[in-house]
Amino acid sequence: MMRTVAVLVCLVCISLVSAYPTWDQLDAAYTFDDYEHHFRKVYDSEDDRQVRKGIFEARLQDVLTHNADAAHTWKKGVNHFSDRHDHERRIRGVDKSLLHHQRKVLALTAAPPANVSSIDHLPSSMDWRKQDVVTPVKNQVKAHFLLFFPFL
């Protein structure tokens, strides 16, 4: 009985995930109407919908441009935040454009002067822990229950 429930939950999750387009399924034919349907979007007014449509179309163009560039080793996609303003994405804690350690590195490594011709002034080693760039080790004990999921 428990195994049947677990299998059904997995199937529902797989069907939900597979309903969203992946990066390789995105092209210029993907429309805002498709996005609304895939992510079940409903807007307060037609004006709000038009604003969100403009944001989405700009993000989709950015995604398509990025993915078409062979120099990139990773691909972008769309998700349920693709119609949000940047400030809305940051407020909700989903702005992952710069992670904590990346912001620290950028702050510590300002652009060098244009006339730098020697690396003699650089330290022989760098401990990122002392610079507060690396985050502390996190307790992952809570994740161990996932190991037992297949046995339910």
C-alpha atoms as a PDB file:
ATOM      1  CA  MET A   1       0.000   0.000   0.000  1.00  0.00           C
ATOM      2  CA  MET A   2       2.720   2.463   1.020  1.00  0.00           C
ATOM      3  CA  ARG A   3       4.800   1.554  -2.009  1.00  0.00           C
ATOM      4  CA  THR A   4       1.804   2.201  -4.300  1.00  0.00           C
ATOM      5  CA  VAL A   5       1.330   5.652  -2.800  1.00  0.00           C
ATOM      6  CA  ALA A   6       5.032   6.421  -3.235  1.00  0.00           C
ATOM      7  CA  VAL A   7       4.911   5.334  -6.881  1.00  0.00           C
ATOM      8  CA  LEU A   8       1.832   7.472  -7.534  1.00  0.00           C
ATOM      9  CA  VAL A   9       3.472  10.510  -5.923  1.00  0.00           C
ATOM     10  CA  CYS A  10       6.556   9.995  -8.102  1.00  0.00           C
ATOM     11  CA  LEU A  11       4.446   9.709 -11.246  1.00  0.00           C
ATOM     12  CA  VAL A  12       2.546  12.900 -10.437  1.00  0.00           C
ATOM     13  CA  CYS A  13       5.816  14.762  -9.815  1.00  0.00           C
ATOM     14  CA  ILE A  14       7.312  13.485 -13.058  1.00  0.00           C
ATOM     15  CA  SER A  15       4.231  14.476 -15.033  1.00  0.00           C
ATOM     16  CA  LEU A  16       4.276  17.978 -13.529  1.00  0.00           C
ATOM     17  CA  VAL A  17       7.969  18.470 -14.250  1.00  0.00           C
ATOM     18  CA  SER A  18       7.679  17.141 -17.775  1.00  0.00           C
ATOM     19  CA  ALA A  19       4.846  19.602 -18.493  1.00  0.00           C
ATOM     20  CA  TYR A  20       7.281  22.522 -18.404  1.00  0.00           C
ATOM     21  CA  PRO A  21       9.457  23.241 -21.428  1.00  0.00           C
ATOM     22  CA  THR A  22      13.150  22.513 -21.087  1.00  0.00           C
ATOM     23  CA  TRP A  23      15.837  24.782 -22.518  1.00  0.00           C
ATOM     24  CA  ASP A  24      16.164  22.688 -25.667  1.00  0.00           C
ATOM     25  CA  GLN A  25      12.419  22.938 -26.343  1.00  0.00           C
ATOM     26  CA  LEU A  26      12.450  26.747 -26.303  1.00  0.00           C
ATOM     27  CA  ASP A  27      12.501  28.623 -29.568  1.00  0.00           C
ATOM     28  CA  ALA A  28      11.010  31.767 -31.094  1.00  0.00           C
ATOM     29  CA  ALA A  29       7.685  29.935 -31.492  1.00  0.00           C
ATOM     30  CA  TYR A  30       7.272  29.698 -27.690  1.00  0.00           C
ATOM     31  CA  THR A  31       4.750  32.394 -26.800  1.00  0.00           C
ATOM     32  CA  PHE A  32       3.510  34.158 -23.716  1.00  0.00           C
ATOM     33  CA  ASP A  33       0.236  32.246 -24.108  1.00  0.00           C
ATOM     34  CA  ASP A  34       2.219  28.986 -23.934  1.00  0.00           C
ATOM     35  CA  TYR A  35       3.973  30.295 -20.819  1.00  0.00           C
ATOM     36  CA  GLU A  36       0.650  31.225 -19.186  1.00  0.00           C
ATOM     37  CA  HIS A  37      -0.692  27.761 -19.921  1.00  0.00           C
ATOM     38  CA  HIS A  38       2.408  25.836 -18.763  1.00  0.00           C
ATOM     39  CA  PHE A  39       2.767  27.748 -15.510  1.00  0.00           C
ATOM     40  CA  ARG A  40      -0.968  28.359 -14.916  1.00  0.00           C
ATOM     41  CA  LYS A  41      -0.556  32.130 -14.712  1.00  0.00           C
ATOM     42  CA  VAL A  42      -3.529  34.371 -13.914  1.00  0.00           C
ATOM     43  CA  TYR A  43      -3.175  38.152 -13.755  1.00  0.00           C
ATOM     44  CA  ASP A  44      -5.232  40.779 -11.938  1.00  0.00           C
ATOM     45  CA  SER A  45      -5.970  42.846 -15.024  1.00  0.00           C
ATOM     46  CA  GLU A  46      -5.255  43.071 -18.730  1.00  0.00           C
ATOM     47  CA  ASP A  47      -2.811  45.916 -18.022  1.00  0.00           C
ATOM     48  CA  ASP A  48      -0.892  43.730 -15.577  1.00  0.00           C
ATOM     49  CA  ARG A  49      -0.905  40.911 -18.130  1.00  0.00           C
ATOM     50  CA  GLN A  50       0.571  43.195 -20.786  1.00  0.00           C
ATOM     51  CA  VAL A  51       3.335  44.339 -18.418  1.00  0.00           C
ATOM     52  CA  ARG A  52       4.141  40.729 -17.517  1.00  0.00           C
ATOM     53  CA  LYS A  53       4.082  39.772 -21.186  1.00  0.00           C
ATOM     54  CA  GLY A  54       6.678  42.439 -21.966  1.00  0.00           C
ATOM     55  CA  ILE A  55       8.932  41.249 -19.135  1.00  0.00           C
ATOM     56  CA  PHE A  56       8.555  37.624 -20.216  1.00  0.00           C
ATOM     57  CA  GLU A  57       9.302  38.362 -23.871  1.00  0.00           C
ATOM     58  CA  ALA A  58      12.478  40.256 -22.919  1.00  0.00           C
ATOM     59  CA  ARG A  59      13.612  37.376 -20.694  1.00  0.00           C
ATOM     60  CA  LEU A  60      12.780  34.808 -23.370  1.00  0.00           C
ATOM     61  CA  GLN A  61      14.840  36.744 -25.903  1.00  0.00           C
ATOM     62  CA  ASP A  62      17.734  36.816 -23.427  1.00  0.00           C
ATOM     63  CA  VAL A  63      17.388  33.045 -22.919  1.00  0.00           C
ATOM     64  CA  LEU A  64      17.314  32.328 -26.645  1.00  0.00           C
ATOM     65  CA  THR A  65      20.304  34.592 -27.321  1.00  0.00           C
ATOM     66  CA  HIS A  66      22.292  32.988 -24.501  1.00  0.00           C
ATOM     67  CA  ASN A  67      21.452  29.433 -25.590  1.00  0.00           C
ATOM     68  CA  ALA A  68      22.343  30.147 -29.230  1.00  0.00           C
ATOM     69  CA  ASP A  69      25.856  31.247 -28.251  1.00  0.00           C
ATOM     70  CA  ALA A  70      28.114  28.184 -28.446  1.00  0.00           C
ATOM     71  CA  ALA A  71      30.637  29.866 -26.137  1.00  0.00           C
ATOM     72  CA  HIS A  72      28.334  29.258 -23.165  1.00  0.00           C
ATOM     73  CA  THR A  73      28.769  25.919 -21.442  1.00  0.00           C
ATOM     74  CA  TRP A  74      25.409  26.119 -19.665  1.00  0.00           C
ATOM     75  CA  LYS A  75      21.889  26.882 -20.832  1.00  0.00           C
ATOM     76  CA  LYS A  76      19.100  29.114 -19.591  1.00  0.00           C
ATOM     77  CA  GLY A  77      15.401  28.311 -19.444  1.00  0.00           C
ATOM     78  CA  VAL A  78      12.099  29.784 -18.312  1.00  0.00           C
ATOM     79  CA  ASN A  79      10.330  29.188 -15.036  1.00  0.00           C
ATOM     80  CA  HIS A  80       7.417  30.630 -13.075  1.00  0.00           C
ATOM     81  CA  PHE A  81       9.509  33.705 -12.196  1.00  0.00           C
ATOM     82  CA  SER A  82      10.191  34.651 -15.826  1.00  0.00           C
ATOM     83  CA  ASP A  83       7.432  37.276 -15.826  1.00  0.00           C
ATOM     84  CA  ARG A  84       8.637  39.068 -12.695  1.00  0.00           C
ATOM     85  CA  HIS A  85      10.477  42.368 -12.362  1.00  0.00           C
ATOM     86  CA  ASP A  86      14.051  42.142 -11.065  1.00  0.00           C
ATOM     87  CA  HIS A  87      13.083  43.776  -7.764  1.00  0.00           C
ATOM     88  CA  GLU A  88      10.300  41.191  -7.285  1.00  0.00           C
ATOM     89  CA  ARG A  89      12.756  38.367  -7.883  1.00  0.00           C
ATOM     90  CA  ARG A  90      15.157  39.769  -5.276  1.00  0.00           C
ATOM     91  CA  ILE A  91      12.425  40.396  -2.710  1.00  0.00           C
ATOM     92  CA  ARG A  92      11.288  36.789  -2.913  1.00  0.00           C
ATOM     93  CA  GLY A  93      14.840  35.526  -2.561  1.00  0.00           C
ATOM     94  CA  VAL A  94      15.079  33.949  -5.992  1.00  0.00           C
ATOM     95  CA  ASP A  95      17.722  36.210  -7.515  1.00  0.00           C
ATOM     96  CA  LYS A  96      20.621  33.834  -7.902  1.00  0.00           C
ATOM     97  CA  SER A  97      22.559  36.023 -10.307  1.00  0.00           C
ATOM     98  CA  LEU A  98      25.305  36.401  -7.718  1.00  0.00           C
ATOM     99  CA  LEU A  99      25.712  33.981  -4.886  1.00  0.00           C
ATOM    100  CA  HIS A 100      27.134  35.072  -1.533  1.00  0.00           C
ATOM    101  CA  HIS A 101      30.667  33.915  -2.301  1.00  0.00           C
ATOM    102  CA  GLN A 102      30.587  35.494  -5.770  1.00  0.00           C
ATOM    103  CA  ARG A 103      29.651  38.878  -4.290  1.00  0.00           C
ATOM    104  CA  LYS A 104      32.521  38.566  -1.806  1.00  0.00           C
ATOM    105  CA  VAL A 105      35.003  37.691  -4.531  1.00  0.00           C
ATOM    106  CA  LEU A 106      33.869  40.645  -6.637  1.00  0.00           C
ATOM    107  CA  ALA A 107      34.218  42.951  -3.660  1.00  0.00           C
ATOM    108  CA  LEU A 108      37.713  41.657  -2.893  1.00  0.00           C
ATOM    109  CA  THR A 109      38.963  41.602  -6.450  1.00  0.00           C
ATOM    110  CA  ALA A 110      38.375  45.055  -7.832  1.00  0.00           C
ATOM    111  CA  ALA A 111      39.515  45.670 -11.385  1.00  0.00           C
ATOM    112  CA  PRO A 112      43.327  45.989 -11.463  1.00  0.00           C
ATOM    113  CA  PRO A 113      44.924  49.171 -12.787  1.00  0.00           C
ATOM    114  CA  ALA A 114      45.514  49.118 -16.530  1.00  0.00           C
ATOM    115  CA  ASN A 115      49.308  49.374 -16.135  1.00  0.00           C
ATOM    116  CA  VAL A 116      49.792  46.209 -14.057  1.00  0.00           C
ATOM    117  CA  SER A 117      52.617  44.268 -15.641  1.00  0.00           C
ATOM    118  CA  SER A 118      53.844  42.185 -12.728  1.00  0.00           C
ATOM    119  CA  ILE A 119      52.302  39.739 -10.294  1.00  0.00           C
ATOM    120  CA  ASP A 120      55.018  40.214  -7.679  1.00  0.00           C
ATOM    121  CA  HIS A 121      52.643  42.140  -5.427  1.00  0.00           C
ATOM    122  CA  LEU A 122      50.242  39.177  -5.179  1.00  0.00           C
ATOM    123  CA  PRO A 123      50.334  37.006  -2.049  1.00  0.00           C
ATOM    124  CA  SER A 124      51.832  33.536  -2.356  1.00  0.00           C
ATOM    125  CA  SER A 125      48.612  32.007  -1.018  1.00  0.00           C
ATOM    126  CA  MET A 126      45.051  33.004  -0.232  1.00  0.00           C
ATOM    127  CA  ASP A 127      42.795  31.497   2.442  1.00  0.00           C
ATOM    128  CA  TRP A 128      39.221  32.201   1.344  1.00  0.00           C
ATOM    129  CA  ARG A 129      37.936  31.166   4.784  1.00  0.00           C
ATOM    130  CA  LYS A 130      39.667  34.153   6.372  1.00  0.00           C
ATOM    131  CA  GLN A 131      38.213  36.454   3.706  1.00  0.00           C
ATOM    132  CA  ASP A 132      34.644  35.293   4.528  1.00  0.00           C
ATOM    133  CA  VAL A 133      34.135  34.133   0.941  1.00  0.00           C
ATOM    134  CA  VAL A 134      33.380  30.475   1.617  1.00  0.00           C
ATOM    135  CA  THR A 135      30.190  29.797   3.527  1.00  0.00           C
ATOM    136  CA  PRO A 136      30.349  27.688   6.684  1.00  0.00           C
ATOM    137  CA  VAL A 137      29.785  23.937   6.501  1.00  0.00           C
ATOM    138  CA  LYS A 138      26.092  23.176   6.715  1.00  0.00           C
ATOM    139  CA  ASN A 139      24.490  20.356   8.686  1.00  0.00           C
ATOM    140  CA  GLN A 140      22.957  17.990   6.135  1.00  0.00           C
ATOM    141  CA  VAL A 141      21.635  15.408   8.569  1.00  0.00           C
ATOM    142  CA  LYS A 142      18.050  16.390   7.702  1.00  0.00           C
ATOM    143  CA  ALA A 143      18.575  15.199   4.122  1.00  0.00           C
ATOM    144  CA  HIS A 144      19.337  11.634   5.201  1.00  0.00           C
ATOM    145  CA  PHE A 145      15.649  10.730   5.224  1.00  0.00           C
ATOM    146  CA  LEU A 146      15.756  10.886   1.411  1.00  0.00           C
ATOM    147  CA  LEU A 147      17.998   7.825   1.409  1.00  0.00           C
ATOM    148  CA  PHE A 148      15.130   5.785   2.822  1.00  0.00           C
ATOM    149  CA  PHE A 149      12.506   7.038   0.349  1.00  0.00           C
ATOM    150  CA  PRO A 150      12.943   4.118  -2.107  1.00  0.00           C
ATOM    151  CA  PHE A 151      12.229   1.645   0.675  1.00  0.00           C
ATOM    152  CA  LEU A 152       8.794   3.027   1.539  1.00  0.00           C
END
